[in-house]
C-alpha atoms as a PDB file:
ATOM      1  CA  MET A   1      68.881   0.063  48.681  1.00  0.00           C
ATOM      2  CA  LEU A   2      68.462  -3.702  48.806  1.00  0.00           C
ATOM      3  CA  GLN A   3      69.263  -5.594  51.958  1.00  0.00           C
ATOM      4  CA  PRO A   4      71.911  -8.364  51.917  1.00  0.00           C
ATOM      5  CA  TYR A   5      69.393 -11.190  51.566  1.00  0.00           C
ATOM      6  CA  ALA A   6      66.895  -9.401  49.322  1.00  0.00           C
ATOM      7  CA  GLY A   7      65.855 -11.422  46.332  1.00  0.00           C
ATOM      8  CA  ILE A   8      66.840 -14.791  47.778  1.00  0.00           C
ATOM      9  CA  GLY A   9      64.210 -17.397  46.999  1.00  0.00           C
ATOM     10  CA  ASP A  10      61.723 -17.854  44.222  1.00  0.00           C
ATOM     11  CA  PRO A  11      59.772 -14.752  43.217  1.00  0.00           C
ATOM     12  CA  PHE A  12      55.979 -14.998  43.174  1.00  0.00           C
ATOM     13  CA  GLY A  13      53.020 -12.708  42.708  1.00  0.00           C
ATOM     14  CA  LEU A  14      50.021 -11.680  44.764  1.00  0.00           C
ATOM     15  CA  GLU A  15      47.846 -14.667  43.884  1.00  0.00           C
ATOM     16  CA  GLU A  16      50.628 -17.073  44.869  1.00  0.00           C
ATOM     17  CA  PHE A  17      51.148 -15.103  48.098  1.00  0.00           C
ATOM     18  CA  PHE A  18      47.481 -15.537  49.017  1.00  0.00           C
ATOM     19  CA  ARG A  19      47.628 -19.215  48.041  1.00  0.00           C
ATOM     20  CA  LEU A  20      50.595 -19.733  50.367  1.00  0.00           C
ATOM     21  CA  VAL A  21      48.813 -17.928  53.211  1.00  0.00           C
ATOM     22  CA  SER A  22      45.731 -20.073  52.565  1.00  0.00           C
ATOM     23  CA  GLU A  23      47.749 -23.278  52.538  1.00  0.00           C
ATOM     24  CA  ARG A  24      49.823 -22.509  55.615  1.00  0.00           C
ATOM     25  CA  ALA A  25      46.881 -21.245  57.675  1.00  0.00           C
ATOM     26  CA  GLY A  26      44.518 -23.981  56.508  1.00  0.00           C
ATOM     27  CA  ILE A  27      41.877 -21.472  55.380  1.00  0.00           C
ATOM     28  CA  GLY A  28      40.160 -20.599  52.100  1.00  0.00           C
ATOM     29  CA  MET A  29      41.643 -18.124  49.618  1.00  0.00           C
ATOM     30  CA  GLN A  30      39.105 -15.386  50.319  1.00  0.00           C
ATOM     31  CA  ASN A  31      39.721 -15.592  54.056  1.00  0.00           C
ATOM     32  CA  ALA A  32      43.494 -15.755  53.469  1.00  0.00           C
ATOM     33  CA  SER A  33      43.308 -12.581  51.383  1.00  0.00           C
ATOM     34  CA  LEU A  34      41.402 -10.731  54.099  1.00  0.00           C
ATOM     35  CA  GLN A  35      43.600 -11.951  56.940  1.00  0.00           C
ATOM     36  CA  ALA A  36      46.839 -11.169  55.087  1.00  0.00           C
ATOM     37  CA  ARG A  37      45.628  -7.627  54.371  1.00  0.00           C
ATOM     38  CA  VAL A  38      44.621  -7.121  58.010  1.00  0.00           C
ATOM     39  CA  VAL A  39      48.022  -8.318  59.263  1.00  0.00           C
ATOM     40  CA  ILE A  40      49.819  -6.015  56.825  1.00  0.00           C
ATOM     41  CA  GLY A  41      47.581  -3.124  57.898  1.00  0.00           C
ATOM     42  CA  VAL A  42      48.502  -3.702  61.539  1.00  0.00           C
ATOM     43  CA  LEU A  43      52.175  -3.971  60.594  1.00  0.00           C
ATOM     44  CA  CYS A  44      51.940  -0.625  58.778  1.00  0.00           C
ATOM     45  CA  GLU A  45      50.569   0.971  61.946  1.00  0.00           C
ATOM     46  CA  ALA A  46      53.174  -0.649  64.205  1.00  0.00           C
ATOM     47  CA  VAL A  47      56.414   0.260  62.414  1.00  0.00           C
ATOM     48  CA  SER A  48      57.812   3.449  60.939  1.00  0.00           C
ATOM     49  CA  MET A  49      57.120   4.525  57.349  1.00  0.00           C
ATOM     50  CA  GLY A  50      60.839   4.218  56.664  1.00  0.00           C
ATOM     51  CA  GLU A  51      60.773   0.559  57.642  1.00  0.00           C
ATOM     52  CA  ILE A  52      57.635  -0.059  55.579  1.00  0.00           C
ATOM     53  CA  GLU A  53      59.240   1.615  52.567  1.00  0.00           C
ATOM     54  CA  ASN A  54      62.308  -0.585  53.047  1.00  0.00           C
ATOM     55  CA  VAL A  55      60.106  -3.699  52.966  1.00  0.00           C
ATOM     56  CA  ARG A  56      58.053  -2.419  50.000  1.00  0.00           C
ATOM     57  CA  SER A  57      61.162  -1.687  47.952  1.00  0.00           C
ATOM     58  CA  GLN A  58      62.085  -5.367  48.080  1.00  0.00           C
ATOM     59  CA  LEU A  59      58.718  -6.747  46.979  1.00  0.00           C
ATOM     60  CA  PRO A  60      57.178  -7.315  43.542  1.00  0.00           C
ATOM     61  CA  HIS A  61      54.821  -4.517  42.449  1.00  0.00           C
ATOM     62  CA  ASP A  62      51.566  -6.415  43.035  1.00  0.00           C
ATOM     63  CA  ILE A  63      52.506  -7.471  46.578  1.00  0.00           C
ATOM     64  CA  ARG A  64      53.906  -3.999  47.292  1.00  0.00           C
ATOM     65  CA  GLN A  65      50.397  -2.603  46.805  1.00  0.00           C
ATOM     66  CA  LEU A  66      49.243  -4.389  49.967  1.00  0.00           C
ATOM     67  CA  PHE A  67      51.333  -1.929  51.970  1.00  0.00           C
ATOM     68  CA  MET A  68      49.477   1.123  50.651  1.00  0.00           C
ATOM     69  CA  VAL A  69      47.396   1.571  53.818  1.00  0.00           C
ATOM     70  CA  GLU A  70      46.833   5.295  54.289  1.00  0.00           C
ATOM     71  CA  ASN A  71      44.196   5.638  56.998  1.00  0.00           C
ATOM     72  CA  GLU A  72      43.551   3.669  60.141  1.00  0.00           C
ATOM     73  CA  GLY A  73      41.067   0.903  59.449  1.00  0.00           C
ATOM     74  CA  ASP A  74      41.404   0.965  55.664  1.00  0.00           C
ATOM     75  CA  LEU A  75      42.366  -2.195  53.842  1.00  0.00           C
ATOM     76  CA  PRO A  76      44.198  -1.920  50.537  1.00  0.00           C
ATOM     77  CA  GLU A  77      42.191  -2.785  47.460  1.00  0.00           C
ATOM     78  CA  VAL A  78      43.316  -5.989  45.795  1.00  0.00           C
ATOM     79  CA  PRO A  79      41.737  -7.988  42.987  1.00  0.00           C
ATOM     80  CA  ASP A  80      39.364 -10.802  43.935  1.00  0.00           C
ATOM     81  CA  VAL A  81      41.105 -14.145  44.124  1.00  0.00           C
END
């Protein structure tokens, strides 16, 4: 079930997501990729699976894969950027 504001804004993929993180944080793409994955990993540990699934259901497939953290300390595999 989509939330009331789901889908508002311009859609973008994983590479654009990392570019935006890089730009906003003032860091390189490789570092942005790592830091974004770490933050998402912590988020996955901090909130319930139901909430994570709610977030994932509203994201494009490639960004959704970032939330596939199964074990503590693991980072999801993403293509090199």
